[in-house]
C-alpha atoms as a PDB file:
ATOM      1  CA  MET A   1       0.000   0.000   0.000  1.00  0.00           C
ATOM      2  CA  ALA A   2       1.295   3.455  -0.892  1.00  0.00           C
ATOM      3  CA  ARG A   3       2.151   6.053   1.697  1.00  0.00           C
ATOM      4  CA  ILE A   4       0.134   9.217   1.085  1.00  0.00           C
ATOM      5  CA  ASP A   5       1.203  12.450   2.763  1.00  0.00           C
ATOM      6  CA  PHE A   6      -0.693  15.715   2.627  1.00  0.00           C
ATOM      7  CA  HIS A   7       1.308  18.875   3.254  1.00  0.00           C
ATOM      8  CA  SER A   8      -1.440  21.395   3.957  1.00  0.00           C
ATOM      9  CA  ASN A   9      -1.664  25.162   4.483  1.00  0.00           C
ATOM     10  CA  VAL A  10       1.387  25.790   2.321  1.00  0.00           C
ATOM     11  CA  ALA A  11       1.875  29.501   1.613  1.00  0.00           C
ATOM     12  CA  ASP A  12       3.896  29.189  -1.632  1.00  0.00           C
ATOM     13  CA  LYS A  13       3.619  25.779  -3.280  1.00  0.00           C
ATOM     14  CA  LEU A  14       6.467  26.288  -5.740  1.00  0.00           C
ATOM     15  CA  GLN A  15       9.013  27.394  -3.137  1.00  0.00           C
ATOM     16  CA  TYR A  16       7.754  24.623  -0.869  1.00  0.00           C
ATOM     17  CA  ALA A  17       8.102  22.081  -3.673  1.00  0.00           C
ATOM     18  CA  CYS A  18      11.708  23.180  -4.221  1.00  0.00           C
ATOM     19  CA  ARG A  19      12.524  22.699  -0.527  1.00  0.00           C
ATOM     20  CA  LEU A  20      10.726  19.340  -0.455  1.00  0.00           C
ATOM     21  CA  ILE A  21      12.564  18.101  -3.549  1.00  0.00           C
ATOM     22  CA  ARG A  22      15.904  19.209  -2.090  1.00  0.00           C
ATOM     23  CA  LYS A  23      15.112  17.453   1.200  1.00  0.00           C
ATOM     24  CA  ILE A  24      14.135  14.175  -0.476  1.00  0.00           C
ATOM     25  CA  TRP A  25      17.121  14.392  -2.824  1.00  0.00           C
ATOM     26  CA  SER A  26      19.615  15.111  -0.038  1.00  0.00           C
ATOM     27  CA  GLU A  27      18.301  12.432   2.328  1.00  0.00           C
ATOM     28  CA  THR A  28      19.192   9.553   0.023  1.00  0.00           C
ATOM     29  CA  PRO A  29      21.548   7.416   2.139  1.00  0.00           C
ATOM     30  CA  SER A  30      25.115   7.198   0.878  1.00  0.00           C
ATOM     31  CA  GLY A  31      25.663   4.220  -1.379  1.00  0.00           C
ATOM     32  CA  GLN A  32      21.960   3.800  -2.204  1.00  0.00           C
ATOM     33  CA  ALA A  33      20.225   4.639  -5.437  1.00  0.00           C
ATOM     34  CA  VAL A  34      18.831   8.142  -5.587  1.00  0.00           C
ATOM     35  CA  ARG A  35      15.112   8.343  -4.943  1.00  0.00           C
ATOM     36  CA  ASN A  36      13.392   9.494  -8.096  1.00  0.00           C
ATOM     37  CA  ILE A  37      10.722  12.157  -7.971  1.00  0.00           C
ATOM     38  CA  VAL A  38       7.901  12.798 -10.420  1.00  0.00           C
ATOM     39  CA  MET A  39       6.278  16.234 -10.089  1.00  0.00           C
ATOM     40  CA  VAL A  40       2.696  16.506 -11.343  1.00  0.00           C
ATOM     41  CA  GLY A  41       0.853  19.802 -11.702  1.00  0.00           C
ATOM     42  CA  GLU A  42      -0.577  22.338 -14.101  1.00  0.00           C
ATOM     43  CA  LYS A  43       1.725  23.259 -16.995  1.00  0.00           C
ATOM     44  CA  ALA A  44       1.998  26.945 -15.983  1.00  0.00           C
ATOM     45  CA  ASP A  45       3.093  25.995 -12.455  1.00  0.00           C
ATOM     46  CA  LEU A  46       5.580  23.452 -13.778  1.00  0.00           C
ATOM     47  CA  LEU A  47       7.163  26.024 -16.092  1.00  0.00           C
ATOM     48  CA  LYS A  48       7.690  28.332 -13.095  1.00  0.00           C
ATOM     49  CA  LEU A  49       8.951  25.411 -11.002  1.00  0.00           C
ATOM     50  CA  ASP A  50      11.434  24.527 -13.741  1.00  0.00           C
ATOM     51  CA  GLU A  51      12.922  28.026 -13.513  1.00  0.00           C
ATOM     52  CA  LEU A  52      12.929  27.963  -9.713  1.00  0.00           C
ATOM     53  CA  LEU A  53      14.720  24.626  -9.537  1.00  0.00           C
ATOM     54  CA  TRP A  54      17.600  26.051 -11.591  1.00  0.00           C
ATOM     55  CA  ALA A  55      17.942  29.121  -9.352  1.00  0.00           C
ATOM     56  CA  PHE A  56      16.684  27.816  -6.011  1.00  0.00           C
ATOM     57  CA  SER A  57      20.046  27.141  -4.419  1.00  0.00           C
ATOM     58  CA  SER A  58      23.550  28.202  -5.311  1.00  0.00           C
ATOM     59  CA  THR A  59      24.990  25.053  -3.706  1.00  0.00           C
ATOM     60  CA  ASP A  60      22.472  22.334  -4.632  1.00  0.00           C
ATOM     61  CA  PHE A  61      22.047  20.861  -8.092  1.00  0.00           C
ATOM     62  CA  LEU A  62      18.587  19.375  -8.578  1.00  0.00           C
ATOM     63  CA  PRO A  63      18.696  17.599 -11.964  1.00  0.00           C
ATOM     64  CA  HIS A  64      15.289  17.782 -13.582  1.00  0.00           C
ATOM     65  CA  CYS A  65      13.512  17.924 -16.927  1.00  0.00           C
ATOM     66  CA  PHE A  66      10.057  17.610 -18.428  1.00  0.00           C
ATOM     67  CA  ILE A  67       8.714  14.140 -19.175  1.00  0.00           C
ATOM     68  CA  ASP A  68       8.870  14.687 -22.937  1.00  0.00           C
ATOM     69  CA  ASP A  69      12.593  15.502 -22.819  1.00  0.00           C
ATOM     70  CA  GLU A  70      14.809  12.804 -24.342  1.00  0.00           C
ATOM     71  CA  ALA A  71      16.781  12.666 -21.056  1.00  0.00           C
ATOM     72  CA  ALA A  72      13.717  11.996 -18.869  1.00  0.00           C
ATOM     73  CA  ALA A  73      14.469   8.294 -18.465  1.00  0.00           C
ATOM     74  CA  GLU A  74      17.869   9.126 -16.929  1.00  0.00           C
ATOM     75  CA  THR A  75      16.836  12.245 -14.993  1.00  0.00           C
ATOM     76  CA  PRO A  76      15.830  11.717 -11.354  1.00  0.00           C
ATOM     77  CA  ILE A  77      13.364  14.627 -11.144  1.00  0.00           C
ATOM     78  CA  VAL A  78      10.727  14.654 -13.869  1.00  0.00           C
ATOM     79  CA  LEU A  79       7.986  17.244 -14.382  1.00  0.00           C
ATOM     80  CA  THR A  80       4.657  16.366 -16.015  1.00  0.00           C
ATOM     81  CA  ASP A  81       1.116  17.683 -16.253  1.00  0.00           C
ATOM     82  CA  ASP A  82      -0.277  14.241 -17.112  1.00  0.00           C
ATOM     83  CA  PHE A  83      -1.272  11.525 -14.642  1.00  0.00           C
ATOM     84  CA  SER A  84      -1.974   8.989 -17.384  1.00  0.00           C
ATOM     85  CA  ALA A  85      -0.192   5.665 -17.409  1.00  0.00           C
ATOM     86  CA  ILE A  86       0.948   6.260 -20.992  1.00  0.00           C
ATOM     87  CA  ALA A  87       2.878   9.380 -20.000  1.00  0.00           C
ATOM     88  CA  LEU A  88       4.263   7.862 -16.804  1.00  0.00           C
ATOM     89  CA  ASN A  89       5.303   4.645 -18.548  1.00  0.00           C
ATOM     90  CA  GLN A  90       7.808   6.688 -20.560  1.00  0.00           C
ATOM     91  CA  ILE A  91      10.014   6.829 -17.482  1.00  0.00           C
ATOM     92  CA  PRO A  92      11.383   3.773 -15.716  1.00  0.00           C
ATOM     93  CA  HIS A  93      11.472   5.303 -12.262  1.00  0.00           C
ATOM     94  CA  ALA A  94       8.600   6.046  -9.927  1.00  0.00           C
ATOM     95  CA  ASP A  95       9.647   6.286  -6.285  1.00  0.00           C
ATOM     96  CA  ILE A  96       7.825   9.414  -5.166  1.00  0.00           C
ATOM     97  CA  MET A  97       5.131  11.487  -6.814  1.00  0.00           C
ATOM     98  CA  ILE A  98       4.660  15.053  -5.602  1.00  0.00           C
ATOM     99  CA  HIS A  99       1.372  16.573  -6.737  1.00  0.00           C
ATOM    100  CA  ILE A 100       1.103  20.367  -6.745  1.00  0.00           C
ATOM    101  CA  GLY A 101      -2.023  20.552  -8.912  1.00  0.00           C
ATOM    102  CA  MET A 102      -5.716  20.605  -8.095  1.00  0.00           C
ATOM    103  CA  THR A 103      -7.084  17.706 -10.140  1.00  0.00           C
ATOM    104  CA  MET A 104      -7.662  14.199  -8.887  1.00  0.00           C
ATOM    105  CA  PRO A 105      -6.107  11.492 -11.072  1.00  0.00           C
ATOM    106  CA  GLN A 106      -8.695   9.436 -12.938  1.00  0.00           C
ATOM    107  CA  ASP A 107      -7.111   6.056 -12.214  1.00  0.00           C
ATOM    108  CA  VAL A 108      -6.028   6.348  -8.590  1.00  0.00           C
ATOM    109  CA  ALA A 109      -5.534   2.593  -8.218  1.00  0.00           C
ATOM    110  CA  ALA A 110      -2.996   2.498 -11.083  1.00  0.00           C
ATOM    111  CA  LEU A 111      -1.205   5.532  -9.687  1.00  0.00           C
ATOM    112  CA  LEU A 112      -0.950   3.944  -6.260  1.00  0.00           C
ATOM    113  CA  MET A 113       0.419   0.751  -7.805  1.00  0.00           C
ATOM    114  CA  ARG A 114       3.112   2.762  -9.594  1.00  0.00           C
ATOM    115  CA  PHE A 115       4.212   5.055  -6.744  1.00  0.00           C
ATOM    116  CA  PRO A 116       4.999   3.716  -3.256  1.00  0.00           C
ATOM    117  CA  ARG A 117       4.832   7.280  -1.918  1.00  0.00           C
ATOM    118  CA  ILE A 118       2.602  10.175  -2.914  1.00  0.00           C
ATOM    119  CA  VAL A 119       2.888  13.696  -1.520  1.00  0.00           C
ATOM    120  CA  GLU A 120       0.003  16.101  -2.029  1.00  0.00           C
ATOM    121  CA  VAL A 121       0.859  19.796  -1.559  1.00  0.00           C
ATOM    122  CA  VAL A 122      -2.184  21.892  -0.636  1.00  0.00           C
ATOM    123  CA  THR A 123      -1.947  25.665  -0.337  1.00  0.00           C
ATOM    124  CA  VAL A 124      -3.888  28.207   1.725  1.00  0.00           C
ATOM    125  CA  ASN A 125      -5.772  29.288  -1.422  1.00  0.00           C
ATOM    126  CA  GLU A 126      -9.450  28.453  -0.831  1.00  0.00           C
ATOM    127  CA  ALA A 127     -10.020  26.727  -4.193  1.00  0.00           C
ATOM    128  CA  GLU A 128      -6.870  24.633  -3.730  1.00  0.00           C
ATOM    129  CA  ARG A 129      -7.853  23.787  -0.141  1.00  0.00           C
ATOM    130  CA  LEU A 130     -11.276  22.544  -1.278  1.00  0.00           C
ATOM    131  CA  ALA A 131      -9.713  20.491  -4.078  1.00  0.00           C
ATOM    132  CA  GLY A 132      -7.206  19.086  -1.568  1.00  0.00           C
ATOM    133  CA  ARG A 133     -10.011  18.061   0.769  1.00  0.00           C
ATOM    134  CA  GLU A 134     -11.719  16.217  -2.086  1.00  0.00           C
ATOM    135  CA  ARG A 135      -8.500  14.351  -2.905  1.00  0.00           C
ATOM    136  CA  TYR A 136      -8.029  13.541   0.791  1.00  0.00           C
ATOM    137  CA  LYS A 137     -11.556  12.086   0.989  1.00  0.00           C
ATOM    138  CA  ALA A 138     -11.070  10.103  -2.230  1.00  0.00           C
ATOM    139  CA  TYR A 139      -7.849   8.503  -0.977  1.00  0.00           C
ATOM    140  CA  ARG A 140      -9.416   7.811   2.428  1.00  0.00           C
ATOM    141  CA  ASP A 141     -12.528   6.286   0.827  1.00  0.00           C
ATOM    142  CA  LEU A 142     -10.233   3.894  -1.044  1.00  0.00           C
ATOM    143  CA  GLY A 143      -8.960   2.709   2.347  1.00  0.00           C
ATOM    144  CA  HIS A 144      -5.538   4.335   2.395  1.00  0.00           C
ATOM    145  CA  GLU A 145      -3.832   5.550   5.528  1.00  0.00           C
ATOM    146  CA  LEU A 146      -3.175   9.261   5.211  1.00  0.00           C
ATOM    147  CA  HIS A 147      -0.663  11.482   6.966  1.00  0.00           C
ATOM    148  CA  ASN A 148      -1.158  15.246   7.268  1.00  0.00           C
ATOM    149  CA  PHE A 149       1.608  17.767   7.868  1.00  0.00           C
ATOM    150  CA  ASP A 150       0.014  21.140   8.636  1.00  0.00           C
ATOM    151  CA  GLN A 151       2.465  23.843   7.599  1.00  0.00           C
ATOM    152  CA  SER A 152       0.535  26.612   9.406  1.00  0.00           C
ATOM    153  CA  LYS A 153       1.945  25.253  12.651  1.00  0.00           C
ATOM    154  CA  ARG A 154       5.549  25.814  11.560  1.00  0.00           C
END
């Protein structure tokens, strides 16, 4: 069963996503394979995230590309606006999916089979909060154990 984490009440989802990616990337134990991350969201957000990842830190290199890039299969951080199995099957890796969008994937069961860990980032924006609640309920109704990390308490 997949681990599903909700990071709620996030003020700036793109900056938060950069910090989360860096944390996951840097916590890979020495000598182990790097954990691969697939970022899913709206295209406009992903374009901004792409720019932020290049400039986010002067000391950290976070190798990333879009899923349609020819290097996607070898790149540990992949950006996509498509939940479909066809798009995700283009890449061999699927350790962690971070979702910064508002839509619920159509085939949740297939997504949960593909990713052992899913992180949902939910902002303080009212529309995004409501969409996040719907995703939370959908995962819960499927019988998954959910973990919530409320960022307003930090």
